């Protein structure tokens, strides 16, 4: 599950678009805050990235693996997306929450395909950490810019998801 393999490292280039995606919030610059906020964000992002990847990609996906793999991918990604509804309780508005659910669903598919193709959870854990950390420490006061960045992220994510689906289908045909 978390074993680093030569084949997994060879396929690491699949992660580059998602790293770019996670770095886009830095366009807005850092959020005003103390070093303690940055450190707390660092540890929280590490914990969330590690826990969610182990749970959703490592455990839930493997529970569903006795079903057709496509079903397991979709079911796990739907569950991952829906869990983000909890952000409403932190005061996030319904529109942003729905967008986050859809985005998390697509991210779930991408992370599962990276996991399946690369045969390692480590890239998913590290990218998830970087994505969350970026969203915690970057300034989100300019909502116009925030929505533009989110639109660019969504376009990149969907294109990348399609590329990974095509690669996944190619690998299935070859095996």
Protein backbone atom coordinates (compact mmCIF):
# COMPACT_ATOMS: atom_id res chain seq x y z
CA UNK A 1 0.00 0.00 0.00
CA UNK A 2 2.69 2.53 0.97
CA UNK A 3 5.67 0.64 -0.39
CA UNK A 4 7.91 2.64 -2.73
CA UNK A 5 8.61 0.58 -5.84
CA UNK A 6 10.87 1.20 -8.83
CA UNK A 7 7.84 1.08 -11.10
CA UNK A 8 6.00 3.53 -8.85
CA UNK A 9 8.91 5.97 -8.95
CA UNK A 10 9.14 5.60 -12.74
CA UNK A 11 5.53 6.72 -13.00
CA UNK A 12 5.98 9.68 -10.65
CA UNK A 13 5.73 12.13 -13.55
CA UNK A 14 1.99 11.50 -13.42
CA UNK A 15 1.97 13.71 -10.33
CA UNK A 16 3.39 16.86 -11.91
CA UNK A 17 0.03 18.33 -13.06
CA UNK A 18 -1.48 17.82 -9.61
CA UNK A 19 1.52 19.50 -7.97
CA UNK A 20 1.01 22.51 -10.28
CA UNK A 21 -2.68 22.43 -9.39
CA UNK A 22 -1.92 22.51 -5.67
CA UNK A 23 0.59 25.36 -6.12
CA UNK A 24 -1.83 27.73 -7.88
CA UNK A 25 -3.16 29.32 -4.63
CA UNK A 26 0.32 30.79 -4.06
CA UNK A 27 -0.56 33.33 -6.78
CA UNK A 28 -2.58 35.11 -4.07
CA UNK A 29 0.36 35.27 -1.72
CA UNK A 30 0.55 34.15 1.90
CA UNK A 31 -2.16 34.74 4.45
CA UNK A 32 -1.29 37.20 7.20
CA UNK A 33 -0.34 35.20 10.23
CA UNK A 34 2.21 34.14 12.72
CA UNK A 35 4.67 31.30 12.39
CA UNK A 36 2.55 29.33 14.86
CA UNK A 37 -0.33 29.42 12.33
CA UNK A 38 1.97 28.16 9.57
CA UNK A 39 3.31 25.38 11.81
CA UNK A 40 -0.19 24.38 12.92
CA UNK A 41 -1.26 24.36 9.26
CA UNK A 42 1.76 22.22 8.37
CA UNK A 43 0.95 19.58 10.97
CA UNK A 44 -2.77 19.65 10.23
CA UNK A 45 -2.17 19.27 6.48
CA UNK A 46 0.28 16.40 7.09
CA UNK A 47 -2.24 14.64 9.31
CA UNK A 48 -5.19 15.15 6.97
CA UNK A 49 -3.23 14.16 3.86
CA UNK A 50 -1.88 11.02 5.49
CA UNK A 51 -5.13 9.98 7.19
CA UNK A 52 -7.47 10.64 4.24
CA UNK A 53 -5.22 8.87 1.74
CA UNK A 54 -4.73 5.85 3.99
CA UNK A 55 -8.46 5.71 4.69
CA UNK A 56 -9.97 6.40 1.26
CA UNK A 57 -7.34 5.09 -1.15
CA UNK A 58 -5.74 2.53 1.15
CA UNK A 59 -8.73 1.11 3.02
CA UNK A 60 -12.10 2.04 1.43
CA UNK A 61 -10.88 1.42 -2.12
CA UNK A 62 -9.49 -1.98 -1.17
CA UNK A 63 -12.76 -2.91 0.58
CA UNK A 64 -14.56 -2.24 -2.73
CA UNK A 65 -11.95 -4.10 -4.81
CA UNK A 66 -14.00 -7.32 -4.86
CA UNK A 67 -16.38 -5.35 -7.13
CA UNK A 68 -15.39 -4.26 -10.64
CA UNK A 69 -12.48 -1.83 -10.30
CA UNK A 70 -14.39 1.00 -12.02
CA UNK A 71 -17.16 0.63 -9.43
CA UNK A 72 -14.58 0.75 -6.64
CA UNK A 73 -13.02 3.90 -8.11
CA UNK A 74 -16.36 5.70 -8.45
CA UNK A 75 -17.75 4.58 -5.07
CA UNK A 76 -14.58 5.60 -3.21
CA UNK A 77 -14.45 8.96 -5.01
CA UNK A 78 -18.13 9.69 -4.32
CA UNK A 79 -17.58 8.95 -0.63
CA UNK A 80 -14.47 11.14 -0.58
CA UNK A 81 -16.37 14.00 -2.23
CA UNK A 82 -19.43 13.73 -0.01
CA UNK A 83 -17.38 13.85 3.20
CA UNK A 84 -16.47 17.43 2.28
CA UNK A 85 -20.07 18.47 3.02
CA UNK A 86 -18.88 18.80 6.63
CA UNK A 87 -17.25 22.10 5.65
CA UNK A 88 -20.70 23.71 5.82
CA UNK A 89 -20.38 23.41 9.61
CA UNK A 90 -17.32 25.67 9.52
CA UNK A 91 -19.38 28.44 7.90
CA UNK A 92 -18.59 27.73 4.26
CA UNK A 93 -21.51 28.71 2.00
CA UNK A 94 -23.53 26.07 0.14
CA UNK A 95 -22.25 27.07 -3.33
CA UNK A 96 -18.59 26.76 -2.32
CA UNK A 97 -19.34 23.48 -0.54
CA UNK A 98 -20.99 21.98 -3.63
CA UNK A 99 -18.00 23.06 -5.73
CA UNK A 100 -15.67 21.50 -3.18
CA UNK A 101 -17.62 18.21 -3.23
CA UNK A 102 -17.39 18.01 -7.03
CA UNK A 103 -13.71 19.00 -6.96
CA UNK A 104 -12.96 16.40 -4.25
CA UNK A 105 -14.80 13.73 -6.27
CA UNK A 106 -12.57 14.48 -9.29
CA UNK A 107 -9.49 14.61 -7.06
CA UNK A 108 -10.54 11.23 -5.63
CA UNK A 109 -10.56 9.69 -9.10
CA UNK A 110 -7.17 11.26 -9.91
CA UNK A 111 -5.59 10.05 -6.67
CA UNK A 112 -6.94 6.52 -7.19
CA UNK A 113 -5.57 6.40 -10.73
CA UNK A 114 -2.19 7.67 -9.51
CA UNK A 115 -2.29 4.96 -6.84
CA UNK A 116 -3.29 2.22 -9.31
CA UNK A 117 -0.88 3.26 -12.07
CA UNK A 118 2.03 4.14 -9.76
CA UNK A 119 1.41 1.31 -7.27
CA UNK A 120 2.15 3.59 -4.31
CA UNK A 121 0.13 5.80 -1.97
CA UNK A 122 3.08 8.06 -1.18
CA UNK A 123 2.60 10.43 -4.14
CA UNK A 124 -1.08 10.78 -3.18
CA UNK A 125 -0.24 11.47 0.47
CA UNK A 126 2.38 14.09 -0.40
CA UNK A 127 0.24 15.85 -3.00
CA UNK A 128 -2.80 15.82 -0.70
CA UNK A 129 -0.64 17.36 2.04
CA UNK A 130 0.69 20.03 -0.33
CA UNK A 131 -2.80 20.86 -1.62
CA UNK A 132 -4.24 21.24 1.88
CA UNK A 133 -1.25 23.18 3.18
CA UNK A 134 -1.50 25.57 0.22
CA UNK A 135 -5.16 26.20 0.89
CA UNK A 136 -4.49 26.79 4.61
CA UNK A 137 -1.64 29.29 4.24
CA UNK A 138 -2.60 31.22 1.10
CA UNK A 139 -4.62 34.42 1.21
CA UNK A 140 -8.27 33.93 0.26
CA UNK A 141 -9.56 37.46 0.77
CA UNK A 142 -9.81 38.31 -2.95
CA UNK A 143 -12.82 36.16 -3.89
CA UNK A 144 -12.69 37.22 -7.55
CA UNK A 145 -9.13 35.90 -7.83
CA UNK A 146 -10.04 32.88 -5.69
CA UNK A 147 -12.78 31.83 -8.15
CA UNK A 148 -10.47 32.38 -11.14
CA UNK A 149 -7.82 30.16 -9.55
CA UNK A 150 -10.48 27.55 -8.73
CA UNK A 151 -11.66 27.61 -12.37
CA UNK A 152 -8.09 27.07 -13.65
CA UNK A 153 -7.55 24.30 -11.09
CA UNK A 154 -10.78 22.59 -12.18
CA UNK A 155 -9.84 22.74 -15.86
CA UNK A 156 -6.37 21.31 -15.15
CA UNK A 157 -7.88 18.62 -12.91
CA UNK A 158 -10.45 17.52 -15.49
CA UNK A 159 -7.91 17.40 -18.34
CA UNK A 160 -5.50 15.48 -16.13
CA UNK A 161 -8.27 13.12 -15.01
CA UNK A 162 -9.11 12.36 -18.65
CA UNK A 163 -5.43 11.71 -19.42
CA UNK A 164 -5.16 9.32 -16.47
CA UNK A 165 -8.36 7.52 -17.46
CA UNK A 166 -6.95 6.99 -20.96
CA UNK A 167 -3.67 5.71 -19.47
CA UNK A 168 -5.60 3.43 -17.10
CA UNK A 169 -7.63 1.97 -19.99
CA UNK A 170 -4.43 1.41 -21.99
CA UNK A 171 -2.86 -0.46 -19.07
CA UNK A 172 -6.02 -2.57 -18.68
CA UNK A 173 -5.92 -3.55 -22.37
CA UNK A 174 -2.23 -4.47 -22.13
CA UNK A 175 -2.72 -6.74 -19.10
